[in-house]
PDB file of N, CA and C in Angstrom:
ATOM      1  N   MET A   1     -67.562  11.860 -31.714  1.00  0.00           N
ATOM      2  CA  MET A   1     -68.607  12.843 -31.923  1.00  0.00           C
ATOM      3  C   MET A   1     -68.068  14.089 -32.605  1.00  0.00           C
ATOM      4  N   SER A   2     -66.851  14.520 -32.237  1.00  0.00           N
ATOM      5  CA  SER A   2     -66.313  15.730 -32.848  1.00  0.00           C
ATOM      6  C   SER A   2     -66.012  15.512 -34.330  1.00  0.00           C
ATOM      7  N   GLY A   3     -65.712  14.289 -34.723  1.00  0.00           N
ATOM      8  CA  GLY A   3     -65.498  13.996 -36.142  1.00  0.00           C
ATOM      9  C   GLY A   3     -66.773  14.200 -36.949  1.00  0.00           C
ATOM     10  N   PHE A   4     -67.899  13.788 -36.346  1.00  0.00           N
ATOM     11  CA  PHE A   4     -69.190  13.966 -37.006  1.00  0.00           C
ATOM     12  C   PHE A   4     -69.513  15.439 -37.172  1.00  0.00           C
ATOM     13  N   LEU A   5     -69.294  16.224 -36.111  1.00  0.00           N
ATOM     14  CA  LEU A   5     -69.560  17.664 -36.185  1.00  0.00           C
ATOM     15  C   LEU A   5     -68.642  18.340 -37.199  1.00  0.00           C
ATOM     16  N   SER A   6     -67.412  17.878 -37.257  1.00  0.00           N
ATOM     17  CA  SER A   6     -66.479  18.430 -38.227  1.00  0.00           C
ATOM     18  C   SER A   6     -66.946  18.144 -39.652  1.00  0.00           C
ATOM     19  N   GLN A   7     -67.446  16.935 -39.883  1.00  0.00           N
ATOM     20  CA  GLN A   7     -67.950  16.582 -41.209  1.00  0.00           C
ATOM     21  C   GLN A   7     -69.180  17.419 -41.561  1.00  0.00           C
ATOM     22  N   CYS A   8     -70.058  17.630 -40.593  1.00  0.00           N
ATOM     23  CA  CYS A   8     -71.244  18.460 -40.839  1.00  0.00           C
ATOM     24  C   CYS A   8     -70.836  19.893 -41.188  1.00  0.00           C
ATOM     25  N   GLY A   9     -69.828  20.408 -40.484  1.00  0.00           N
ATOM     26  CA  GLY A   9     -69.334  21.748 -40.770  1.00  0.00           C
ATOM     27  C   GLY A   9     -68.738  21.839 -42.159  1.00  0.00           C
ATOM     28  N   ASP A  10     -67.997  20.799 -42.562  1.00  0.00           N
ATOM     29  CA  ASP A  10     -67.414  20.772 -43.905  1.00  0.00           C
ATOM     30  C   ASP A  10     -68.498  20.732 -44.973  1.00  0.00           C
ATOM     31  N   ILE A  11     -69.517  19.907 -44.744  1.00  0.00           N
ATOM     32  CA  ILE A  11     -70.620  19.801 -45.706  1.00  0.00           C
ATOM     33  C   ILE A  11     -71.338  21.140 -45.832  1.00  0.00           C
ATOM     34  N   LEU A  12     -71.589  21.785 -44.706  1.00  0.00           N
ATOM     35  CA  LEU A  12     -72.245  23.094 -44.721  1.00  0.00           C
ATOM     36  C   LEU A  12     -71.390  24.124 -45.459  1.00  0.00           C
ATOM     37  N   PHE A  13     -70.095  24.140 -45.171  1.00  0.00           N
ATOM     38  CA  PHE A  13     -69.187  25.094 -45.813  1.00  0.00           C
ATOM     39  C   PHE A  13     -69.182  24.917 -47.330  1.00  0.00           C
ATOM     40  N   TYR A  14     -69.010  23.665 -47.780  1.00  0.00           N
ATOM     41  CA  TYR A  14     -68.972  23.423 -49.222  1.00  0.00           C
ATOM     42  C   TYR A  14     -70.338  23.619 -49.870  1.00  0.00           C
ATOM     43  N   GLY A  15     -71.402  23.362 -49.126  1.00  0.00           N
ATOM     44  CA  GLY A  15     -72.743  23.622 -49.643  1.00  0.00           C
ATOM     45  C   GLY A  15     -72.967  25.113 -49.880  1.00  0.00           C
ATOM     46  N   ILE A  16     -72.509  25.925 -48.927  1.00  0.00           N
ATOM     47  CA  ILE A  16     -72.635  27.374 -49.075  1.00  0.00           C
ATOM     48  C   ILE A  16     -71.793  27.865 -50.251  1.00  0.00           C
ATOM     49  N   LEU A  17     -70.576  27.344 -50.370  1.00  0.00           N
ATOM     50  CA  LEU A  17     -69.728  27.737 -51.502  1.00  0.00           C
ATOM     51  C   LEU A  17     -70.373  27.361 -52.830  1.00  0.00           C
ATOM     52  N   LEU A  18     -70.947  26.162 -52.904  1.00  0.00           N
ATOM     53  CA  LEU A  18     -71.609  25.715 -54.127  1.00  0.00           C
ATOM     54  C   LEU A  18     -72.809  26.608 -54.437  1.00  0.00           C
ATOM     55  N   TYR A  19     -73.592  26.946 -53.410  1.00  0.00           N
ATOM     56  CA  TYR A  19     -74.737  27.838 -53.601  1.00  0.00           C
ATOM     57  C   TYR A  19     -74.285  29.194 -54.137  1.00  0.00           C
ATOM     58  N   LEU A  20     -73.257  29.780 -53.516  1.00  0.00           N
ATOM     59  CA  LEU A  20     -72.785  31.104 -53.943  1.00  0.00           C
ATOM     60  C   LEU A  20     -72.231  31.067 -55.363  1.00  0.00           C
ATOM     61  N   ALA A  21     -71.546  29.984 -55.704  1.00  0.00           N
ATOM     62  CA  ALA A  21     -71.037  29.852 -57.084  1.00  0.00           C
ATOM     63  C   ALA A  21     -72.211  29.772 -58.061  1.00  0.00           C
ATOM     64  N   GLY A  22     -73.232  29.007 -57.709  1.00  0.00           N
ATOM     65  CA  GLY A  22     -74.393  28.857 -58.585  1.00  0.00           C
ATOM     66  C   GLY A  22     -75.172  30.149 -58.753  1.00  0.00           C
ATOM     67  N   ILE A  23     -75.458  30.834 -57.653  1.00  0.00           N
ATOM     68  CA  ILE A  23     -76.233  32.086 -57.734  1.00  0.00           C
ATOM     69  C   ILE A  23     -75.425  33.168 -58.441  1.00  0.00           C
ATOM     70  N   SER A  24     -74.109  33.136 -58.280  1.00  0.00           N
ATOM     71  CA  SER A  24     -73.258  34.109 -58.979  1.00  0.00           C
ATOM     72  C   SER A  24     -73.295  33.859 -60.480  1.00  0.00           C
ATOM     73  N   LEU A  25     -73.220  32.592 -60.878  1.00  0.00           N
ATOM     74  CA  LEU A  25     -73.281  32.254 -62.295  1.00  0.00           C
ATOM     75  C   LEU A  25     -74.637  32.645 -62.884  1.00  0.00           C
ATOM     76  N   ILE A  26     -75.697  32.318 -62.176  1.00  0.00           N
ATOM     77  CA  ILE A  26     -77.041  32.672 -62.645  1.00  0.00           C
ATOM     78  C   ILE A  26     -77.177  34.186 -62.765  1.00  0.00           C
ATOM     79  N   SER A  27     -76.690  34.923 -61.783  1.00  0.00           N
ATOM     80  CA  SER A  27     -76.780  36.388 -61.808  1.00  0.00           C
ATOM     81  C   SER A  27     -76.032  36.972 -62.999  1.00  0.00           C
ATOM     82  N   ALA A  28     -74.839  36.457 -63.267  1.00  0.00           N
ATOM     83  CA  ALA A  28     -74.044  36.951 -64.397  1.00  0.00           C
ATOM     84  C   ALA A  28     -74.732  36.640 -65.721  1.00  0.00           C
ATOM     85  N   VAL A  29     -75.287  35.439 -65.849  1.00  0.00           N
ATOM     86  CA  VAL A  29     -75.966  35.059 -67.096  1.00  0.00           C
ATOM     87  C   VAL A  29     -77.226  35.888 -67.307  1.00  0.00           C
ATOM     88  N   VAL A  30     -78.034  36.061 -66.263  1.00  0.00           N
ATOM     89  CA  VAL A  30     -79.277  36.838 -66.393  1.00  0.00           C
ATOM     90  C   VAL A  30     -78.961  38.292 -66.737  1.00  0.00           C
ATOM     91  N   THR A  31     -77.907  38.851 -66.140  1.00  0.00           N
ATOM     92  CA  THR A  31     -77.496  40.220 -66.461  1.00  0.00           C
ATOM     93  C   THR A  31     -77.070  40.319 -67.922  1.00  0.00           C
ATOM     94  N   SER A  32     -76.331  39.341 -68.392  1.00  0.00           N
ATOM     95  CA  SER A  32     -75.891  39.336 -69.794  1.00  0.00           C
ATOM     96  C   SER A  32     -77.065  39.185 -70.746  1.00  0.00           C
ATOM     97  N   VAL A  33     -78.024  38.330 -70.379  1.00  0.00           N
ATOM     98  CA  VAL A  33     -79.221  38.160 -71.212  1.00  0.00           C
ATOM     99  C   VAL A  33     -79.997  39.468 -71.284  1.00  0.00           C
ATOM    100  N   ASP A  34     -80.112  40.176 -70.168  1.00  0.00           N
ATOM    101  CA  ASP A  34     -80.815  41.462 -70.165  1.00  0.00           C
ATOM    102  C   ASP A  34     -80.104  42.467 -71.066  1.00  0.00           C
ATOM    103  N   LYS A  35     -78.786  42.473 -71.032  1.00  0.00           N
ATOM    104  CA  LYS A  35     -78.013  43.376 -71.907  1.00  0.00           C
ATOM    105  C   LYS A  35     -78.282  43.039 -73.378  1.00  0.00           C
ATOM    106  N   PHE A  36     -78.274  41.738 -73.695  1.00  0.00           N
ATOM    107  CA  PHE A  36     -78.539  41.314 -75.066  1.00  0.00           C
ATOM    108  C   PHE A  36     -79.945  41.725 -75.497  1.00  0.00           C
ATOM    109  N   ARG A  37     -80.920  41.500 -74.631  1.00  0.00           N
ATOM    110  CA  ARG A  37     -82.301  41.856 -74.964  1.00  0.00           C
ATOM    111  C   ARG A  37     -82.490  43.363 -75.049  1.00  0.00           C
ATOM    112  N   ALA A  38     -81.698  44.129 -74.326  1.00  0.00           N
ATOM    113  CA  ALA A  38     -81.796  45.592 -74.381  1.00  0.00           C
ATOM    114  C   ALA A  38     -81.375  46.113 -75.745  1.00  0.00           C
ATOM    115  N   SER A  39     -80.487  45.381 -76.406  1.00  0.00           N
ATOM    116  CA  SER A  39     -80.030  45.818 -77.731  1.00  0.00           C
ATOM    117  C   SER A  39     -81.077  45.555 -78.807  1.00  0.00           C
ATOM    118  N   ARG A  40     -82.038  44.728 -78.509  1.00  0.00           N
ATOM    119  CA  ARG A  40     -83.130  44.445 -79.444  1.00  0.00           C
ATOM    120  C   ARG A  40     -84.355  45.248 -79.005  1.00  0.00           C
ATOM    121  N   GLN A  41     -84.998  45.879 -79.952  1.00  0.00           N
ATOM    122  CA  GLN A  41     -86.112  46.753 -79.598  1.00  0.00           C
ATOM    123  C   GLN A  41     -87.325  45.994 -79.079  1.00  0.00           C
ATOM    124  N   ASN A  42     -87.540  44.786 -79.558  1.00  0.00           N
ATOM    125  CA  ASN A  42     -88.727  44.049 -79.125  1.00  0.00           C
ATOM    126  C   ASN A  42     -88.379  42.903 -78.175  1.00  0.00           C
ATOM    127  N   GLY A  43     -87.155  42.891 -77.667  1.00  0.00           N
ATOM    128  CA  GLY A  43     -86.772  41.828 -76.740  1.00  0.00           C
ATOM    129  C   GLY A  43     -87.405  42.025 -75.378  1.00  0.00           C
ATOM    130  N   ARG A  44     -87.861  40.941 -74.775  1.00  0.00           N
ATOM    131  CA  ARG A  44     -88.474  41.020 -73.440  1.00  0.00           C
ATOM    132  C   ARG A  44     -87.375  41.126 -72.402  1.00  0.00           C
ATOM    133  N   ARG A  45     -87.364  42.220 -71.651  1.00  0.00           N
ATOM    134  CA  ARG A  45     -86.312  42.516 -70.673  1.00  0.00           C
ATOM    135  C   ARG A  45     -86.547  41.797 -69.360  1.00  0.00           C
ATOM    136  N   VAL A  46     -85.471  41.651 -68.622  1.00  0.00           N
ATOM    137  CA  VAL A  46     -85.546  41.107 -67.263  1.00  0.00           C
ATOM    138  C   VAL A  46     -85.937  42.266 -66.339  1.00  0.00           C
ATOM    139  N   PRO A  47     -86.966  42.094 -65.514  1.00  0.00           N
ATOM    140  CA  PRO A  47     -87.362  43.182 -64.617  1.00  0.00           C
ATOM    141  C   PRO A  47     -86.234  43.559 -63.646  1.00  0.00           C
ATOM    142  N   GLU A  48     -86.124  44.855 -63.361  1.00  0.00           N
ATOM    143  CA  GLU A  48     -85.082  45.326 -62.453  1.00  0.00           C
ATOM    144  C   GLU A  48     -85.217  44.699 -61.074  1.00  0.00           C
ATOM    145  N   ASN A  49     -86.439  44.468 -60.634  1.00  0.00           N
ATOM    146  CA  ASN A  49     -86.634  43.839 -59.328  1.00  0.00           C
ATOM    147  C   ASN A  49     -86.074  42.419 -59.297  1.00  0.00           C
ATOM    148  N   THR A  50     -86.156  41.718 -60.423  1.00  0.00           N
ATOM    149  CA  THR A  50     -85.579  40.369 -60.506  1.00  0.00           C
ATOM    150  C   THR A  50     -84.064  40.441 -60.392  1.00  0.00           C
ATOM    151  N   LEU A  51     -83.459  41.416 -61.063  1.00  0.00           N
ATOM    152  CA  LEU A  51     -82.006  41.569 -60.980  1.00  0.00           C
ATOM    153  C   LEU A  51     -81.579  41.891 -59.547  1.00  0.00           C
ATOM    154  N   MET A  52     -82.313  42.781 -58.883  1.00  0.00           N
ATOM    155  CA  MET A  52     -81.972  43.128 -57.506  1.00  0.00           C
ATOM    156  C   MET A  52     -82.180  41.941 -56.569  1.00  0.00           C
ATOM    157  N   LEU A  53     -83.208  41.143 -56.816  1.00  0.00           N
ATOM    158  CA  LEU A  53     -83.449  39.961 -56.000  1.00  0.00           C
ATOM    159  C   LEU A  53     -82.291  38.972 -56.132  1.00  0.00           C
ATOM    160  N   LEU A  54     -81.813  38.760 -57.356  1.00  0.00           N
ATOM    161  CA  LEU A  54     -80.660  37.876 -57.555  1.00  0.00           C
ATOM    162  C   LEU A  54     -79.444  38.389 -56.798  1.00  0.00           C
ATOM    163  N   GLY A  55     -79.262  39.701 -56.811  1.00  0.00           N
ATOM    164  CA  GLY A  55     -78.159  40.291 -56.048  1.00  0.00           C
ATOM    165  C   GLY A  55     -78.327  40.054 -54.560  1.00  0.00           C
ATOM    166  N   ALA A  56     -79.543  40.224 -54.055  1.00  0.00           N
ATOM    167  CA  ALA A  56     -79.805  40.037 -52.632  1.00  0.00           C
ATOM    168  C   ALA A  56     -79.674  38.581 -52.210  1.00  0.00           C
ATOM    169  N   LEU A  57     -79.902  37.665 -53.131  1.00  0.00           N
ATOM    170  CA  LEU A  57     -79.797  36.238 -52.819  1.00  0.00           C
ATOM    171  C   LEU A  57     -78.355  35.739 -52.829  1.00  0.00           C
ATOM    172  N   GLY A  58     -77.412  36.634 -53.125  1.00  0.00           N
ATOM    173  CA  GLY A  58     -76.010  36.235 -53.062  1.00  0.00           C
ATOM    174  C   GLY A  58     -75.218  36.508 -54.326  1.00  0.00           C
ATOM    175  N   GLY A  59     -75.854  37.024 -55.351  1.00  0.00           N
ATOM    176  CA  GLY A  59     -75.160  37.248 -56.609  1.00  0.00           C
ATOM    177  C   GLY A  59     -74.720  38.685 -56.835  1.00  0.00           C
ATOM    178  N   ALA A  60     -74.712  39.509 -55.790  1.00  0.00           N
ATOM    179  CA  ALA A  60     -74.412  40.933 -55.947  1.00  0.00           C
ATOM    180  C   ALA A  60     -73.008  41.170 -56.493  1.00  0.00           C
ATOM    181  N   GLY A  61     -72.039  40.449 -56.002  1.00  0.00           N
ATOM    182  CA  GLY A  61     -70.655  40.643 -56.463  1.00  0.00           C
ATOM    183  C   GLY A  61     -70.488  40.301 -57.927  1.00  0.00           C
ATOM    184  N   ALA A  62     -70.980  39.139 -58.315  1.00  0.00           N
ATOM    185  CA  ALA A  62     -70.867  38.712 -59.716  1.00  0.00           C
ATOM    186  C   ALA A  62     -71.666  39.629 -60.633  1.00  0.00           C
ATOM    187  N   MET A  63     -72.829  40.048 -60.168  1.00  0.00           N
ATOM    188  CA  MET A  63     -73.665  40.931 -60.977  1.00  0.00           C
ATOM    189  C   MET A  63     -73.008  42.296 -61.172  1.00  0.00           C
ATOM    190  N   LEU A  64     -72.428  42.834 -60.117  1.00  0.00           N
ATOM    191  CA  LEU A  64     -71.761  44.130 -60.208  1.00  0.00           C
ATOM    192  C   LEU A  64     -70.575  44.057 -61.173  1.00  0.00           C
ATOM    193  N   ILE A  65     -69.758  43.030 -61.047  1.00  0.00           N
ATOM    194  CA  ILE A  65     -68.614  42.862 -61.949  1.00  0.00           C
ATOM    195  C   ILE A  65     -69.082  42.701 -63.389  1.00  0.00           C
ATOM    196  N   THR A  66     -70.129  41.888 -63.590  1.00  0.00           N
ATOM    197  CA  THR A  66     -70.664  41.681 -64.943  1.00  0.00           C
ATOM    198  C   THR A  66     -71.187  42.983 -65.524  1.00  0.00           C
ATOM    199  N   MET A  67     -71.936  43.745 -64.736  1.00  0.00           N
ATOM    200  CA  MET A  67     -72.485  45.014 -65.224  1.00  0.00           C
ATOM    201  C   MET A  67     -71.380  45.982 -65.613  1.00  0.00           C
ATOM    202  N   LEU A  68     -70.323  46.022 -64.837  1.00  0.00           N
ATOM    203  CA  LEU A  68     -69.202  46.910 -65.178  1.00  0.00           C
ATOM    204  C   LEU A  68     -68.468  46.421 -66.421  1.00  0.00           C
ATOM    205  N   MET A  69     -68.313  45.116 -66.557  1.00  0.00           N
ATOM    206  CA  MET A  69     -67.594  44.569 -67.716  1.00  0.00           C
ATOM    207  C   MET A  69     -68.346  44.777 -69.020  1.00  0.00           C
ATOM    208  N   ILE A  70     -69.663  44.573 -68.996  1.00  0.00           N
ATOM    209  CA  ILE A  70     -70.432  44.689 -70.236  1.00  0.00           C
ATOM    210  C   ILE A  70     -71.108  46.050 -70.369  1.00  0.00           C
ATOM    211  N   ARG A  71     -70.825  46.948 -69.431  1.00  0.00           N
ATOM    212  CA  ARG A  71     -71.380  48.311 -69.426  1.00  0.00           C
ATOM    213  C   ARG A  71     -72.897  48.303 -69.527  1.00  0.00           C
ATOM    214  N   HIS A  72     -73.492  47.605 -68.583  1.00  0.00           N
ATOM    215  CA  HIS A  72     -74.950  47.485 -68.561  1.00  0.00           C
ATOM    216  C   HIS A  72     -75.477  48.047 -67.244  1.00  0.00           C
ATOM    217  N   LYS A  73     -76.393  48.979 -67.328  1.00  0.00           N
ATOM    218  CA  LYS A  73     -77.033  49.636 -66.183  1.00  0.00           C
ATOM    219  C   LYS A  73     -76.027  50.385 -65.308  1.00  0.00           C
ATOM    220  N   THR A  74     -74.919  50.815 -65.883  1.00  0.00           N
ATOM    221  CA  THR A  74     -73.907  51.533 -65.100  1.00  0.00           C
ATOM    222  C   THR A  74     -74.331  52.968 -64.800  1.00  0.00           C
ATOM    223  N   ARG A  75     -75.359  53.460 -65.457  1.00  0.00           N
ATOM    224  CA  ARG A  75     -75.869  54.806 -65.178  1.00  0.00           C
ATOM    225  C   ARG A  75     -77.053  54.784 -64.215  1.00  0.00           C
ATOM    226  N   HIS A  76     -77.443  53.593 -63.794  1.00  0.00           N
ATOM    227  CA  HIS A  76     -78.567  53.457 -62.868  1.00  0.00           C
ATOM    228  C   HIS A  76     -78.033  53.428 -61.435  1.00  0.00           C
ATOM    229  N   ILE A  77     -78.358  54.456 -60.674  1.00  0.00           N
ATOM    230  CA  ILE A  77     -77.890  54.544 -59.292  1.00  0.00           C
ATOM    231  C   ILE A  77     -78.427  53.371 -58.477  1.00  0.00           C
ATOM    232  N   LYS A  78     -79.622  52.917 -58.829  1.00  0.00           N
ATOM    233  CA  LYS A  78     -80.225  51.781 -58.123  1.00  0.00           C
ATOM    234  C   LYS A  78     -79.276  50.587 -58.104  1.00  0.00           C
ATOM    235  N   PHE A  79     -78.548  50.380 -59.184  1.00  0.00           N
ATOM    236  CA  PHE A  79     -77.639  49.241 -59.279  1.00  0.00           C
ATOM    237  C   PHE A  79     -76.219  49.587 -58.837  1.00  0.00           C
ATOM    238  N   MET A  80     -75.722  50.729 -59.261  1.00  0.00           N
ATOM    239  CA  MET A  80     -74.335  51.077 -58.955  1.00  0.00           C
ATOM    240  C   MET A  80     -74.135  51.459 -57.487  1.00  0.00           C
ATOM    241  N   LEU A  81     -75.200  51.790 -56.792  1.00  0.00           N
ATOM    242  CA  LEU A  81     -75.128  52.047 -55.358  1.00  0.00           C
ATOM    243  C   LEU A  81     -75.753  50.891 -54.571  1.00  0.00           C
ATOM    244  N   GLY A  82     -76.850  50.370 -55.087  1.00  0.00           N
ATOM    245  CA  GLY A  82     -77.571  49.306 -54.393  1.00  0.00           C
ATOM    246  C   GLY A  82     -76.798  48.010 -54.285  1.00  0.00           C
ATOM    247  N   LEU A  83     -76.180  47.570 -55.377  1.00  0.00           N
ATOM    248  CA  LEU A  83     -75.435  46.307 -55.335  1.00  0.00           C
ATOM    249  C   LEU A  83     -74.235  46.362 -54.395  1.00  0.00           C
ATOM    250  N   PRO A  84     -73.419  47.436 -54.407  1.00  0.00           N
ATOM    251  CA  PRO A  84     -72.330  47.485 -53.420  1.00  0.00           C
ATOM    252  C   PRO A  84     -72.840  47.507 -51.975  1.00  0.00           C
ATOM    253  N   ILE A  85     -73.965  48.166 -51.730  1.00  0.00           N
ATOM    254  CA  ILE A  85     -74.534  48.177 -50.371  1.00  0.00           C
ATOM    255  C   ILE A  85     -74.957  46.767 -49.973  1.00  0.00           C
ATOM    256  N   ILE A  86     -75.613  46.066 -50.885  1.00  0.00           N
ATOM    257  CA  ILE A  86     -76.008  44.675 -50.617  1.00  0.00           C
ATOM    258  C   ILE A  86     -74.768  43.829 -50.356  1.00  0.00           C
ATOM    259  N   LEU A  87     -73.738  44.009 -51.164  1.00  0.00           N
ATOM    260  CA  LEU A  87     -72.499  43.238 -51.025  1.00  0.00           C
ATOM    261  C   LEU A  87     -71.828  43.499 -49.673  1.00  0.00           C
ATOM    262  N   ILE A  88     -71.775  44.753 -49.270  1.00  0.00           N
ATOM    263  CA  ILE A  88     -71.187  45.095 -47.965  1.00  0.00           C
ATOM    264  C   ILE A  88     -72.015  44.484 -46.835  1.00  0.00           C
ATOM    265  N   PHE A  89     -73.331  44.585 -46.938  1.00  0.00           N
ATOM    266  CA  PHE A  89     -74.210  44.002 -45.926  1.00  0.00           C
ATOM    267  C   PHE A  89     -73.984  42.492 -45.824  1.00  0.00           C
ATOM    268  N   GLN A  90     -73.886  41.807 -46.971  1.00  0.00           N
ATOM    269  CA  GLN A  90     -73.658  40.365 -46.969  1.00  0.00           C
ATOM    270  C   GLN A  90     -72.296  40.022 -46.371  1.00  0.00           C
ATOM    271  N   ALA A  91     -71.289  40.828 -46.640  1.00  0.00           N
ATOM    272  CA  ALA A  91     -69.957  40.585 -46.084  1.00  0.00           C
ATOM    273  C   ALA A  91     -69.962  40.750 -44.569  1.00  0.00           C
ATOM    274  N   VAL A  92     -70.637  41.786 -44.081  1.00  0.00           N
ATOM    275  CA  VAL A  92     -70.710  42.021 -42.630  1.00  0.00           C
ATOM    276  C   VAL A  92     -71.432  40.861 -41.945  1.00  0.00           C
ATOM    277  N   ILE A  93     -72.553  40.438 -42.506  1.00  0.00           N
ATOM    278  CA  ILE A  93     -73.299  39.311 -41.927  1.00  0.00           C
ATOM    279  C   ILE A  93     -72.445  38.044 -41.955  1.00  0.00           C
ATOM    280  N   SER A  94     -71.736  37.802 -43.052  1.00  0.00           N
ATOM    281  CA  SER A  94     -70.882  36.619 -43.157  1.00  0.00           C
ATOM    282  C   SER A  94     -69.762  36.645 -42.113  1.00  0.00           C
ATOM    283  N   LEU A  95     -69.131  37.794 -41.944  1.00  0.00           N
ATOM    284  CA  LEU A  95     -68.071  37.899 -40.947  1.00  0.00           C
ATOM    285  C   LEU A  95     -68.602  37.685 -39.528  1.00  0.00           C
ATOM    286  N   TYR A  96     -69.788  38.207 -39.278  1.00  0.00           N
ATOM    287  CA  TYR A  96     -70.407  38.011 -37.970  1.00  0.00           C
ATOM    288  C   TYR A  96     -70.682  36.529 -37.724  1.00  0.00           C
ATOM    289  N   LEU A  97     -71.255  35.859 -38.725  1.00  0.00           N
ATOM    290  CA  LEU A  97     -71.569  34.433 -38.564  1.00  0.00           C
ATOM    291  C   LEU A  97     -70.292  33.600 -38.390  1.00  0.00           C
ATOM    292  N   VAL A  98     -69.249  33.942 -39.111  1.00  0.00           N
ATOM    293  CA  VAL A  98     -67.983  33.221 -38.978  1.00  0.00           C
ATOM    294  C   VAL A  98     -67.395  33.441 -37.581  1.00  0.00           C
ATOM    295  N   SER A  99     -67.594  34.626 -37.022  1.00  0.00           N
ATOM    296  CA  SER A  99     -67.058  34.905 -35.684  1.00  0.00           C
ATOM    297  C   SER A  99     -67.767  34.082 -34.606  1.00  0.00           C
ATOM    298  N   LEU A 100     -68.964  33.581 -34.895  1.00  0.00           N
ATOM    299  CA  LEU A 100     -69.691  32.775 -33.924  1.00  0.00           C
ATOM    300  C   LEU A 100     -69.191  31.337 -33.856  1.00  0.00           C
ATOM    301  N   ILE A 101     -68.456  30.913 -34.870  1.00  0.00           N
ATOM    302  CA  ILE A 101     -67.940  29.545 -34.914  1.00  0.00           C
ATOM    303  C   ILE A 101     -66.805  29.414 -33.911  1.00  0.00           C
ATOM    304  N   PRO A 102     -66.903  28.420 -33.011  1.00  0.00           N
ATOM    305  CA  PRO A 102     -65.849  28.277 -31.991  1.00  0.00           C
ATOM    306  C   PRO A 102     -64.528  27.798 -32.565  1.00  0.00           C
TER     307      PRO A 102
END
């Protein structure tokens, strides 16, 4: 029985890692697309709420790094303060959940 539980834990762990990798990639790409569209006067921009939602869904770290690298929305306090707060909150919740594992 413990082998089965161990396998379930492994599947869950790798599933979470795969999800975080995917949402991080999506967040970085969407941020880059928004930067590209911002350089065009008639380009349709990605709404700020969509960017924040991607960050809240797990892409805050990748989005913050991408924004700093491509210098996009670095003057917006909503992002430069909001994303690190989301990231810290996610880290605290993750550490708490990991502490519950026997």
